[in-house]
Amino acid sequence: MITAVTGGIAEGKSTVMSILSEMGFKTESADVFARAIFAEPEINKSLARIAGRSSSITSLELRDAIQSDDAVRRQVNSLIHGRVMERIWASRADFVEVPLLIEACLQGQFDSVWVVTCGSIIQRERLVDRYRGMANIDLLLSTQLPTRAKVPFADAIIRTNYPLETVRRCISEALGNRFESS
């Protein structure tokens, strides 16, 4: 059984994954797989072409291209997502962090979906702390669905705007539900 863990940027997905790992579960990250795929020379050349570049492309350049052109985003997703899913299945992980799960319509590929949320106010506070000096947090947020749009897909909702012990308890409850429903 494989569970996708999703949610918005700075909402606590990494914290949840760390707790699951401490509990002995095998965890992976779609972003880690995507970065490895991005670094492959042939893939990087293809991504550069998609973004209108003649040579290799950096992740920041690709992010800018994706944010400014929906057609580029769709082509990049088409190139990367299938390869990421292949690596996810090969990893045999129990839990996989997939930030863009709903945006990529991948939720049906998993046995269950957990949505991690801290609420939009705390999310913004965390983003300001993380990206001091970033001019436009709204632009960054606009590349993902709001977490409230992801919640209807959730088999469990993990709230990270509480003390860590409460988050652990929420994870334990969700784990109980995960095994009861299988």
N, C-alpha and C. Protein backbone atom coordinates (compact mmCIF):
# COMPACT_ATOMS: atom_id res chain seq x y z
N MET A 1 0.84 -1.18 0.00
CA MET A 1 0.00 0.00 0.00
C MET A 1 0.89 1.24 0.00
N ILE A 2 0.62 2.17 -0.92
CA ILE A 2 1.43 3.38 -1.03
C ILE A 2 0.52 4.60 -0.88
N THR A 3 0.95 5.49 -0.01
CA THR A 3 0.18 6.70 0.28
C THR A 3 0.93 7.91 -0.24
N ALA A 4 0.21 8.77 -0.95
CA ALA A 4 0.77 10.05 -1.40
C ALA A 4 0.51 11.08 -0.32
N VAL A 5 1.52 11.87 0.00
CA VAL A 5 1.40 12.96 0.96
C VAL A 5 1.56 14.25 0.17
N THR A 6 0.52 15.08 0.19
CA THR A 6 0.54 16.31 -0.59
C THR A 6 0.09 17.49 0.26
N GLY A 7 0.16 18.65 -0.31
CA GLY A 7 -0.22 19.88 0.36
C GLY A 7 0.56 21.01 -0.28
N GLY A 8 0.32 22.21 0.15
CA GLY A 8 0.98 23.37 -0.42
C GLY A 8 2.40 23.55 0.08
N ILE A 9 3.10 24.43 -0.58
CA ILE A 9 4.46 24.78 -0.19
C ILE A 9 4.44 25.35 1.23
N ALA A 10 5.38 24.95 2.05
CA ALA A 10 5.56 25.44 3.43
C ALA A 10 4.41 25.06 4.36
N GLU A 11 3.73 23.97 4.07
CA GLU A 11 2.61 23.56 4.93
C GLU A 11 2.97 22.43 5.88
N GLY A 12 4.18 21.88 5.78
CA GLY A 12 4.60 20.88 6.75
C GLY A 12 4.74 19.47 6.21
N LYS A 13 4.77 19.32 4.90
CA LYS A 13 4.92 17.98 4.32
C LYS A 13 6.21 17.31 4.77
N SER A 14 7.30 18.08 4.77
CA SER A 14 8.60 17.51 5.18
C SER A 14 8.57 17.07 6.64
N THR A 15 7.90 17.82 7.48
CA THR A 15 7.76 17.43 8.89
C THR A 15 7.02 16.11 9.01
N VAL A 16 5.93 15.98 8.28
CA VAL A 16 5.13 14.74 8.32
C VAL A 16 5.97 13.57 7.80
N MET A 17 6.69 13.80 6.71
CA MET A 17 7.52 12.72 6.15
C MET A 17 8.63 12.32 7.12
N SER A 18 9.20 13.28 7.81
CA SER A 18 10.24 12.99 8.79
C SER A 18 9.69 12.14 9.93
N ILE A 19 8.52 12.48 10.40
CA ILE A 19 7.88 11.70 11.48
C ILE A 19 7.61 10.28 11.00
N LEU A 20 7.09 10.14 9.79
CA LEU A 20 6.81 8.80 9.25
C LEU A 20 8.10 7.98 9.13
N SER A 21 9.16 8.63 8.71
CA SER A 21 10.45 7.95 8.60
C SER A 21 10.95 7.50 9.98
N GLU A 22 10.82 8.39 10.97
CA GLU A 22 11.21 8.05 12.34
C GLU A 22 10.41 6.85 12.86
N MET A 23 9.17 6.73 12.39
CA MET A 23 8.31 5.62 12.81
C MET A 23 8.65 4.31 12.10
N GLY A 24 9.60 4.37 11.15
CA GLY A 24 10.05 3.15 10.49
C GLY A 24 9.47 2.93 9.10
N PHE A 25 8.70 3.86 8.60
CA PHE A 25 8.14 3.72 7.27
C PHE A 25 9.16 4.15 6.22
N LYS A 26 9.10 3.52 5.06
CA LYS A 26 9.97 3.92 3.94
C LYS A 26 9.30 5.10 3.25
N THR A 27 10.04 6.20 3.16
CA THR A 27 9.51 7.42 2.57
C THR A 27 10.39 7.87 1.40
N GLU A 28 9.75 8.51 0.44
CA GLU A 28 10.46 9.07 -0.71
C GLU A 28 9.81 10.41 -1.06
N SER A 29 10.47 11.13 -1.94
CA SER A 29 9.98 12.44 -2.38
C SER A 29 9.97 12.51 -3.90
N ALA A 30 8.82 12.87 -4.46
CA ALA A 30 8.74 13.06 -5.91
C ALA A 30 9.68 14.17 -6.35
N ASP A 31 9.86 15.19 -5.52
CA ASP A 31 10.76 16.29 -5.87
C ASP A 31 12.21 15.82 -6.00
N VAL A 32 12.63 14.90 -5.13
CA VAL A 32 13.99 14.37 -5.21
C VAL A 32 14.16 13.60 -6.53
N PHE A 33 13.16 12.80 -6.86
CA PHE A 33 13.21 12.07 -8.14
C PHE A 33 13.23 13.05 -9.31
N ALA A 34 12.40 14.08 -9.25
CA ALA A 34 12.33 15.06 -10.34
C ALA A 34 13.66 15.79 -10.52
N ARG A 35 14.31 16.14 -9.41
CA ARG A 35 15.62 16.81 -9.51
C ARG A 35 16.66 15.89 -10.18
N ALA A 36 16.63 14.62 -9.84
CA ALA A 36 17.58 13.67 -10.45
C ALA A 36 17.29 13.53 -11.95
N ILE A 37 16.03 13.48 -12.31
CA ILE A 37 15.66 13.38 -13.72
C ILE A 37 16.07 14.65 -14.46
N PHE A 38 15.82 15.81 -13.84
CA PHE A 38 16.19 17.10 -14.41
C PHE A 38 17.69 17.16 -14.73
N ALA A 39 18.50 16.55 -13.89
CA ALA A 39 19.95 16.59 -14.05
C ALA A 39 20.47 15.68 -15.17
N GLU A 40 19.65 14.76 -15.65
CA GLU A 40 20.08 13.89 -16.74
C GLU A 40 20.30 14.74 -17.99
N PRO A 41 21.47 14.65 -18.62
CA PRO A 41 21.80 15.55 -19.74
C PRO A 41 20.75 15.60 -20.85
N GLU A 42 20.25 14.46 -21.28
CA GLU A 42 19.26 14.46 -22.38
C GLU A 42 17.95 15.11 -21.95
N ILE A 43 17.53 14.85 -20.73
CA ILE A 43 16.30 15.46 -20.23
C ILE A 43 16.49 16.97 -20.11
N ASN A 44 17.64 17.38 -19.57
CA ASN A 44 17.91 18.80 -19.41
C ASN A 44 17.89 19.51 -20.76
N LYS A 45 18.46 18.89 -21.79
CA LYS A 45 18.43 19.48 -23.14
C LYS A 45 17.00 19.61 -23.64
N SER A 46 16.19 18.59 -23.40
CA SER A 46 14.79 18.65 -23.82
C SER A 46 14.04 19.75 -23.09
N LEU A 47 14.30 19.88 -21.79
CA LEU A 47 13.66 20.94 -21.01
C LEU A 47 14.09 22.32 -21.50
N ALA A 48 15.36 22.45 -21.84
CA ALA A 48 15.85 23.73 -22.37
C ALA A 48 15.13 24.08 -23.67
N ARG A 49 14.97 23.09 -24.56
CA ARG A 49 14.25 23.34 -25.82
C ARG A 49 12.81 23.77 -25.55
N ILE A 50 12.14 23.08 -24.62
CA ILE A 50 10.76 23.42 -24.27
C ILE A 50 10.68 24.88 -23.81
N ALA A 51 11.67 25.30 -23.04
CA ALA A 51 11.67 26.66 -22.48
C ALA A 51 12.25 27.68 -23.45
N GLY A 52 12.61 27.25 -24.67
CA GLY A 52 13.11 28.19 -25.66
C GLY A 52 14.58 28.54 -25.52
N ARG A 53 15.35 27.68 -24.88
CA ARG A 53 16.79 27.90 -24.70
C ARG A 53 17.56 27.01 -25.67
N SER A 54 18.75 27.43 -26.00
CA SER A 54 19.54 26.65 -26.95
C SER A 54 20.46 25.64 -26.28
N SER A 55 20.75 25.84 -25.01
CA SER A 55 21.65 24.90 -24.32
C SER A 55 20.97 24.39 -23.06
N SER A 56 21.73 24.03 -22.06
CA SER A 56 21.16 23.52 -20.82
C SER A 56 20.40 24.63 -20.09
N ILE A 57 19.65 24.22 -19.10
CA ILE A 57 18.81 25.17 -18.35
C ILE A 57 18.96 24.90 -16.86
N THR A 58 18.95 25.95 -16.07
CA THR A 58 19.00 25.78 -14.61
C THR A 58 17.58 25.61 -14.09
N SER A 59 17.47 25.12 -12.87
CA SER A 59 16.15 24.94 -12.27
C SER A 59 15.43 26.28 -12.10
N LEU A 60 16.18 27.33 -11.77
CA LEU A 60 15.55 28.65 -11.62
C LEU A 60 15.03 29.17 -12.95
N GLU A 61 15.79 28.96 -14.02
CA GLU A 61 15.33 29.38 -15.35
C GLU A 61 14.08 28.61 -15.75
N LEU A 62 14.07 27.31 -15.45
CA LEU A 62 12.90 26.50 -15.79
C LEU A 62 11.70 26.93 -14.96
N ARG A 63 11.91 27.21 -13.67
CA ARG A 63 10.80 27.68 -12.83
C ARG A 63 10.20 28.96 -13.39
N ASP A 64 11.05 29.89 -13.81
CA ASP A 64 10.57 31.15 -14.39
C ASP A 64 9.76 30.88 -15.66
N ALA A 65 10.26 29.98 -16.51
CA ALA A 65 9.55 29.66 -17.75
C ALA A 65 8.20 29.02 -17.48
N ILE A 66 8.15 28.14 -16.49
CA ILE A 66 6.90 27.46 -16.12
C ILE A 66 5.89 28.47 -15.57
N GLN A 67 6.37 29.38 -14.74
CA GLN A 67 5.47 30.36 -14.13
C GLN A 67 4.90 31.34 -15.15
N SER A 68 5.62 31.57 -16.21
CA SER A 68 5.17 32.58 -17.16
C SER A 68 4.44 32.01 -18.38
N ASP A 69 4.40 30.69 -18.53
CA ASP A 69 3.79 30.12 -19.73
C ASP A 69 3.17 28.76 -19.41
N ASP A 70 1.85 28.69 -19.45
CA ASP A 70 1.15 27.44 -19.15
C ASP A 70 1.49 26.33 -20.14
N ALA A 71 1.73 26.68 -21.40
CA ALA A 71 2.10 25.66 -22.40
C ALA A 71 3.43 25.01 -22.04
N VAL A 72 4.37 25.81 -21.57
CA VAL A 72 5.67 25.28 -21.13
C VAL A 72 5.46 24.35 -19.94
N ARG A 73 4.63 24.78 -18.98
CA ARG A 73 4.36 23.94 -17.80
C ARG A 73 3.79 22.59 -18.22
N ARG A 74 2.83 22.58 -19.15
CA ARG A 74 2.22 21.32 -19.59
C ARG A 74 3.25 20.41 -20.27
N GLN A 75 4.11 20.99 -21.11
CA GLN A 75 5.13 20.18 -21.79
C GLN A 75 6.15 19.62 -20.80
N VAL A 76 6.56 20.44 -19.85
CA VAL A 76 7.50 19.97 -18.83
C VAL A 76 6.86 18.84 -18.03
N ASN A 77 5.62 19.03 -17.61
CA ASN A 77 4.92 17.99 -16.84
C ASN A 77 4.82 16.71 -17.65
N SER A 78 4.52 16.82 -18.93
CA SER A 78 4.40 15.65 -19.78
C SER A 78 5.72 14.89 -19.86
N LEU A 79 6.82 15.61 -19.90
CA LEU A 79 8.14 14.99 -19.98
C LEU A 79 8.57 14.35 -18.66
N ILE A 80 8.26 14.99 -17.56
CA ILE A 80 8.81 14.60 -16.25
C ILE A 80 7.91 13.64 -15.47
N HIS A 81 6.61 13.88 -15.43
CA HIS A 81 5.74 13.15 -14.49
C HIS A 81 5.77 11.63 -14.66
N GLY A 82 5.74 11.13 -15.88
CA GLY A 82 5.78 9.68 -16.08
C GLY A 82 7.07 9.07 -15.54
N ARG A 83 8.16 9.76 -15.76
CA ARG A 83 9.46 9.27 -15.28
C ARG A 83 9.52 9.29 -13.74
N VAL A 84 8.95 10.32 -13.15
CA VAL A 84 8.89 10.38 -11.68
C VAL A 84 8.07 9.21 -11.15
N MET A 85 6.91 8.96 -11.77
CA MET A 85 6.06 7.86 -11.30
C MET A 85 6.79 6.51 -11.42
N GLU A 86 7.54 6.31 -12.47
CA GLU A 86 8.31 5.06 -12.60
C GLU A 86 9.25 4.88 -11.42
N ARG A 87 9.90 5.95 -11.02
CA ARG A 87 10.83 5.87 -9.89
C ARG A 87 10.10 5.68 -8.57
N ILE A 88 8.94 6.30 -8.44
CA ILE A 88 8.14 6.11 -7.23
C ILE A 88 7.79 4.64 -7.08
N TRP A 89 7.28 4.02 -8.14
CA TRP A 89 6.88 2.61 -8.05
C TRP A 89 8.09 1.72 -7.79
N ALA A 90 9.20 2.03 -8.41
CA ALA A 90 10.41 1.22 -8.20
C ALA A 90 10.95 1.35 -6.78
N SER A 91 10.66 2.47 -6.12
CA SER A 91 11.19 2.70 -4.77
C SER A 91 10.55 1.82 -3.71
N ARG A 92 9.34 1.36 -3.98
CA ARG A 92 8.58 0.53 -3.03
C ARG A 92 8.39 1.23 -1.68
N ALA A 93 8.24 2.54 -1.73
CA ALA A 93 8.04 3.33 -0.52
C ALA A 93 6.63 3.14 0.02
N ASP A 94 6.49 3.35 1.32
CA ASP A 94 5.17 3.33 1.96
C ASP A 94 4.46 4.67 1.76
N PHE A 95 5.24 5.75 1.85
CA PHE A 95 4.72 7.11 1.73
C PHE A 95 5.61 7.90 0.78
N VAL A 96 4.97 8.65 -0.11
CA VAL A 96 5.72 9.48 -1.06
C VAL A 96 5.15 10.89 -1.01
N GLU A 97 6.05 11.83 -0.78
CA GLU A 97 5.67 13.25 -0.81
C GLU A 97 5.53 13.67 -2.28
N VAL A 98 4.33 14.10 -2.65
CA VAL A 98 4.05 14.51 -4.04
C VAL A 98 3.34 15.86 -3.99
N PRO A 99 4.13 16.96 -3.97
CA PRO A 99 3.53 18.28 -3.82
C PRO A 99 2.47 18.62 -4.87
N LEU A 100 2.69 18.23 -6.11
CA LEU A 100 1.77 18.58 -7.19
C LEU A 100 0.86 17.41 -7.58
N LEU A 101 0.53 16.59 -6.62
CA LEU A 101 -0.27 15.39 -6.86
C LEU A 101 -1.59 15.71 -7.57
N ILE A 102 -2.35 16.63 -7.03
CA ILE A 102 -3.67 16.95 -7.57
C ILE A 102 -3.52 17.73 -8.87
N GLU A 103 -2.57 18.68 -8.91
CA GLU A 103 -2.35 19.46 -10.13
C GLU A 103 -2.01 18.56 -11.31
N ALA A 104 -1.28 17.48 -11.05
CA ALA A 104 -0.87 16.55 -12.10
C ALA A 104 -1.88 15.42 -12.30
N CYS A 105 -2.97 15.45 -11.56
CA CYS A 105 -4.02 14.42 -11.64
C CYS A 105 -3.47 13.01 -11.41
N LEU A 106 -2.59 12.88 -10.42
CA LEU A 106 -1.96 11.60 -10.12
C LEU A 106 -2.57 10.90 -8.91
N GLN A 107 -3.58 11.50 -8.28
CA GLN A 107 -4.11 10.93 -7.05
C GLN A 107 -4.64 9.51 -7.23
N GLY A 108 -5.14 9.17 -8.39
CA GLY A 108 -5.66 7.83 -8.64
C GLY A 108 -4.58 6.77 -8.73
N GLN A 109 -3.32 7.18 -8.79
CA GLN A 109 -2.21 6.24 -8.88
C GLN A 109 -1.81 5.68 -7.51
N PHE A 110 -2.41 6.21 -6.45
CA PHE A 110 -2.02 5.84 -5.09
C PHE A 110 -3.18 5.19 -4.36
N ASP A 111 -2.83 4.39 -3.34
CA ASP A 111 -3.86 3.71 -2.56
C ASP A 111 -4.61 4.67 -1.64
N SER A 112 -3.91 5.70 -1.18
CA SER A 112 -4.56 6.72 -0.35
C SER A 112 -3.80 8.03 -0.49
N VAL A 113 -4.48 9.10 -0.08
CA VAL A 113 -3.91 10.45 -0.17
C VAL A 113 -4.05 11.13 1.18
N TRP A 114 -2.94 11.66 1.66
CA TRP A 114 -2.96 12.50 2.86
C TRP A 114 -2.67 13.92 2.42
N VAL A 115 -3.47 14.85 2.90
CA VAL A 115 -3.24 16.27 2.62
C VAL A 115 -2.75 16.92 3.90
N VAL A 116 -1.60 17.59 3.78
CA VAL A 116 -0.99 18.29 4.91
C VAL A 116 -1.34 19.77 4.77
N THR A 117 -1.81 20.37 5.86
CA THR A 117 -2.17 21.78 5.81
C THR A 117 -1.88 22.46 7.14
N CYS A 118 -1.58 23.73 7.06
CA CYS A 118 -1.39 24.55 8.26
C CYS A 118 -2.29 25.79 8.21
N GLY A 119 -3.02 25.94 7.10
CA GLY A 119 -3.85 27.13 6.90
C GLY A 119 -3.07 28.20 6.16
N SER A 120 -3.77 29.03 5.42
CA SER A 120 -3.12 29.99 4.54
C SER A 120 -2.33 31.07 5.28
N ILE A 121 -2.78 31.48 6.45
CA ILE A 121 -2.06 32.53 7.19
C ILE A 121 -0.70 32.02 7.66
N ILE A 122 -0.68 30.85 8.27
CA ILE A 122 0.59 30.27 8.74
C ILE A 122 1.47 29.91 7.54
N GLN A 123 0.87 29.44 6.46
CA GLN A 123 1.64 29.14 5.26
C GLN A 123 2.39 30.38 4.78
N ARG A 124 1.71 31.50 4.70
CA ARG A 124 2.35 32.74 4.27
C ARG A 124 3.47 33.15 5.23
N GLU A 125 3.23 33.02 6.53
CA GLU A 125 4.26 33.35 7.52
C GLU A 125 5.50 32.47 7.30
N ARG A 126 5.28 31.18 7.08
CA ARG A 126 6.40 30.27 6.84
C ARG A 126 7.14 30.63 5.56
N LEU A 127 6.41 31.01 4.53
CA LEU A 127 7.05 31.39 3.26
C LEU A 127 7.88 32.66 3.42
N VAL A 128 7.36 33.62 4.16
CA VAL A 128 8.11 34.85 4.40
C VAL A 128 9.40 34.52 5.14
N ASP A 129 9.32 33.64 6.14
CA ASP A 129 10.52 33.23 6.89
C ASP A 129 11.51 32.49 5.99
N ARG A 130 10.99 31.62 5.14
CA ARG A 130 11.85 30.78 4.29
C ARG A 130 12.51 31.59 3.17
N TYR A 131 11.74 32.48 2.55
CA TYR A 131 12.21 33.20 1.37
C TYR A 131 12.34 34.69 1.64
N ARG A 132 13.02 35.03 2.69
CA ARG A 132 13.23 36.46 2.99
C ARG A 132 13.76 37.17 1.76
N GLY A 133 13.13 38.28 1.44
CA GLY A 133 13.57 39.06 0.30
C GLY A 133 12.93 38.66 -1.01
N MET A 134 12.15 37.57 -1.02
CA MET A 134 11.48 37.19 -2.26
C MET A 134 10.39 38.21 -2.54
N ALA A 135 10.39 38.74 -3.73
CA ALA A 135 9.50 39.85 -4.07
C ALA A 135 8.03 39.45 -4.10
N ASN A 136 7.73 38.26 -4.63
CA ASN A 136 6.33 37.97 -4.86
C ASN A 136 5.96 36.55 -4.44
N ILE A 137 5.58 36.42 -3.21
CA ILE A 137 5.15 35.12 -2.69
C ILE A 137 3.86 34.68 -3.39
N ASP A 138 3.02 35.64 -3.76
CA ASP A 138 1.78 35.30 -4.45
C ASP A 138 2.04 34.57 -5.77
N LEU A 139 3.07 34.98 -6.49
CA LEU A 139 3.42 34.30 -7.73
C LEU A 139 3.82 32.85 -7.46
N LEU A 140 4.60 32.64 -6.41
CA LEU A 140 4.99 31.30 -6.02
C LEU A 140 3.77 30.46 -5.67
N LEU A 141 2.86 31.02 -4.90
CA LEU A 141 1.64 30.30 -4.51
C LEU A 141 0.73 30.02 -5.70
N SER A 142 0.79 30.88 -6.71
CA SER A 142 -0.12 30.72 -7.86
C SER A 142 0.22 29.51 -8.72
N THR A 143 1.40 28.92 -8.54
CA THR A 143 1.78 27.75 -9.33
C THR A 143 1.17 26.46 -8.78
N GLN A 144 0.54 26.53 -7.61
CA GLN A 144 -0.10 25.36 -7.01
C GLN A 144 -1.56 25.67 -6.71
N LEU A 145 -2.36 24.64 -6.70
CA LEU A 145 -3.73 24.79 -6.22
C LEU A 145 -3.71 25.17 -4.75
N PRO A 146 -4.64 25.97 -4.31
CA PRO A 146 -4.73 26.19 -2.86
C PRO A 146 -5.01 24.85 -2.17
N THR A 147 -4.49 24.69 -1.00
CA THR A 147 -4.66 23.41 -0.29
C THR A 147 -6.13 23.10 -0.06
N ARG A 148 -6.95 24.10 0.13
CA ARG A 148 -8.39 23.84 0.35
C ARG A 148 -9.00 23.11 -0.86
N ALA A 149 -8.41 23.26 -2.05
CA ALA A 149 -8.89 22.54 -3.22
C ALA A 149 -8.40 21.09 -3.25
N LYS A 150 -7.38 20.78 -2.47
CA LYS A 150 -6.84 19.43 -2.40
C LYS A 150 -7.56 18.58 -1.36
N VAL A 151 -8.11 19.23 -0.36
CA VAL A 151 -8.75 18.54 0.77
C VAL A 151 -9.82 17.55 0.33
N PRO A 152 -10.67 17.85 -0.67
CA PRO A 152 -11.69 16.86 -1.05
C PRO A 152 -11.12 15.52 -1.53
N PHE A 153 -9.86 15.49 -1.91
CA PHE A 153 -9.22 14.26 -2.38
C PHE A 153 -8.58 13.46 -1.24
N ALA A 154 -8.63 14.01 -0.04
CA ALA A 154 -7.89 13.44 1.09
C ALA A 154 -8.60 12.26 1.73
N ASP A 155 -7.82 11.22 2.00
CA ASP A 155 -8.27 10.13 2.88
C ASP A 155 -7.96 10.50 4.32
N ALA A 156 -6.98 11.39 4.50
CA ALA A 156 -6.64 11.91 5.83
C ALA A 156 -6.12 13.33 5.66
N ILE A 157 -6.40 14.16 6.64
CA ILE A 157 -5.90 15.53 6.67
C ILE A 157 -5.00 15.65 7.90
N ILE A 158 -3.76 16.05 7.66
CA ILE A 158 -2.80 16.22 8.73
C ILE A 158 -2.57 17.72 8.91
N ARG A 159 -2.93 18.24 10.06
CA ARG A 159 -2.79 19.67 10.33
C ARG A 159 -1.49 19.91 11.08
N THR A 160 -0.68 20.83 10.53
CA THR A 160 0.63 21.09 11.11
C THR A 160 0.71 22.46 11.79
N ASN A 161 -0.42 23.06 12.05
CA ASN A 161 -0.43 24.34 12.74
C ASN A 161 -0.65 24.14 14.25
N TYR A 162 -0.32 22.97 14.72
CA TYR A 162 -0.42 22.61 16.13
C TYR A 162 0.96 22.19 16.63
N PRO A 163 1.11 22.03 17.93
CA PRO A 163 2.40 21.54 18.46
C PRO A 163 2.74 20.17 17.85
N LEU A 164 4.03 19.90 17.78
CA LEU A 164 4.53 18.69 17.14
C LEU A 164 3.90 17.42 17.71
N GLU A 165 3.67 17.39 19.01
CA GLU A 165 3.06 16.19 19.61
C GLU A 165 1.64 15.98 19.08
N THR A 166 0.92 17.04 18.83
CA THR A 166 -0.43 16.94 18.26
C THR A 166 -0.35 16.44 16.81
N VAL A 167 0.65 16.92 16.06
CA VAL A 167 0.85 16.45 14.69
C VAL A 167 1.14 14.95 14.70
N ARG A 168 1.99 14.51 15.64
CA ARG A 168 2.29 13.07 15.74
C ARG A 168 1.02 12.26 16.04
N ARG A 169 0.20 12.77 16.91
CA ARG A 169 -1.06 12.08 17.25
C ARG A 169 -1.98 12.00 16.02
N CYS A 170 -2.04 13.08 15.26
CA CYS A 170 -2.85 13.10 14.04
C CYS A 170 -2.35 12.06 13.03
N ILE A 171 -1.03 11.95 12.91
CA ILE A 171 -0.43 10.95 12.03
C ILE A 171 -0.77 9.55 12.51
N SER A 172 -0.67 9.31 13.81
CA SER A 172 -1.00 7.99 14.37
C SER A 172 -2.46 7.63 14.10
N GLU A 173 -3.35 8.60 14.25
CA GLU A 173 -4.77 8.36 13.95
C GLU A 173 -4.96 8.03 12.48
N ALA A 174 -4.29 8.77 11.60
CA ALA A 174 -4.41 8.51 10.16
C ALA A 174 -3.83 7.13 9.82
N LEU A 175 -2.76 6.75 10.49
CA LEU A 175 -2.19 5.41 10.25
C LEU A 175 -3.19 4.33 10.65
N GLY A 176 -3.86 4.52 11.77
CA GLY A 176 -4.89 3.57 12.19
C GLY A 176 -5.97 3.44 11.14
N ASN A 177 -6.41 4.56 10.62
CA ASN A 177 -7.44 4.54 9.56
C ASN A 177 -6.92 3.90 8.29
N ARG A 178 -5.65 4.10 8.00
CA ARG A 178 -5.04 3.54 6.78
C ARG A 178 -5.10 2.01 6.81
N PHE A 179 -4.78 1.43 7.97
CA PHE A 179 -4.75 -0.02 8.05
C PHE A 179 -6.15 -0.61 8.25
N GLU A 180 -7.05 0.15 8.84
CA GLU A 180 -8.43 -0.34 9.01
C GLU A 180 -9.13 -0.41 7.66
N SER A 181 -8.79 0.52 6.71
CA SER A 181 -9.49 0.57 5.44
C SER A 181 -8.88 -0.37 4.40
N SER A 182 -7.75 -1.01 4.71
CA SER A 182 -7.14 -1.90 3.70
C SER A 182 -7.62 -3.31 3.83
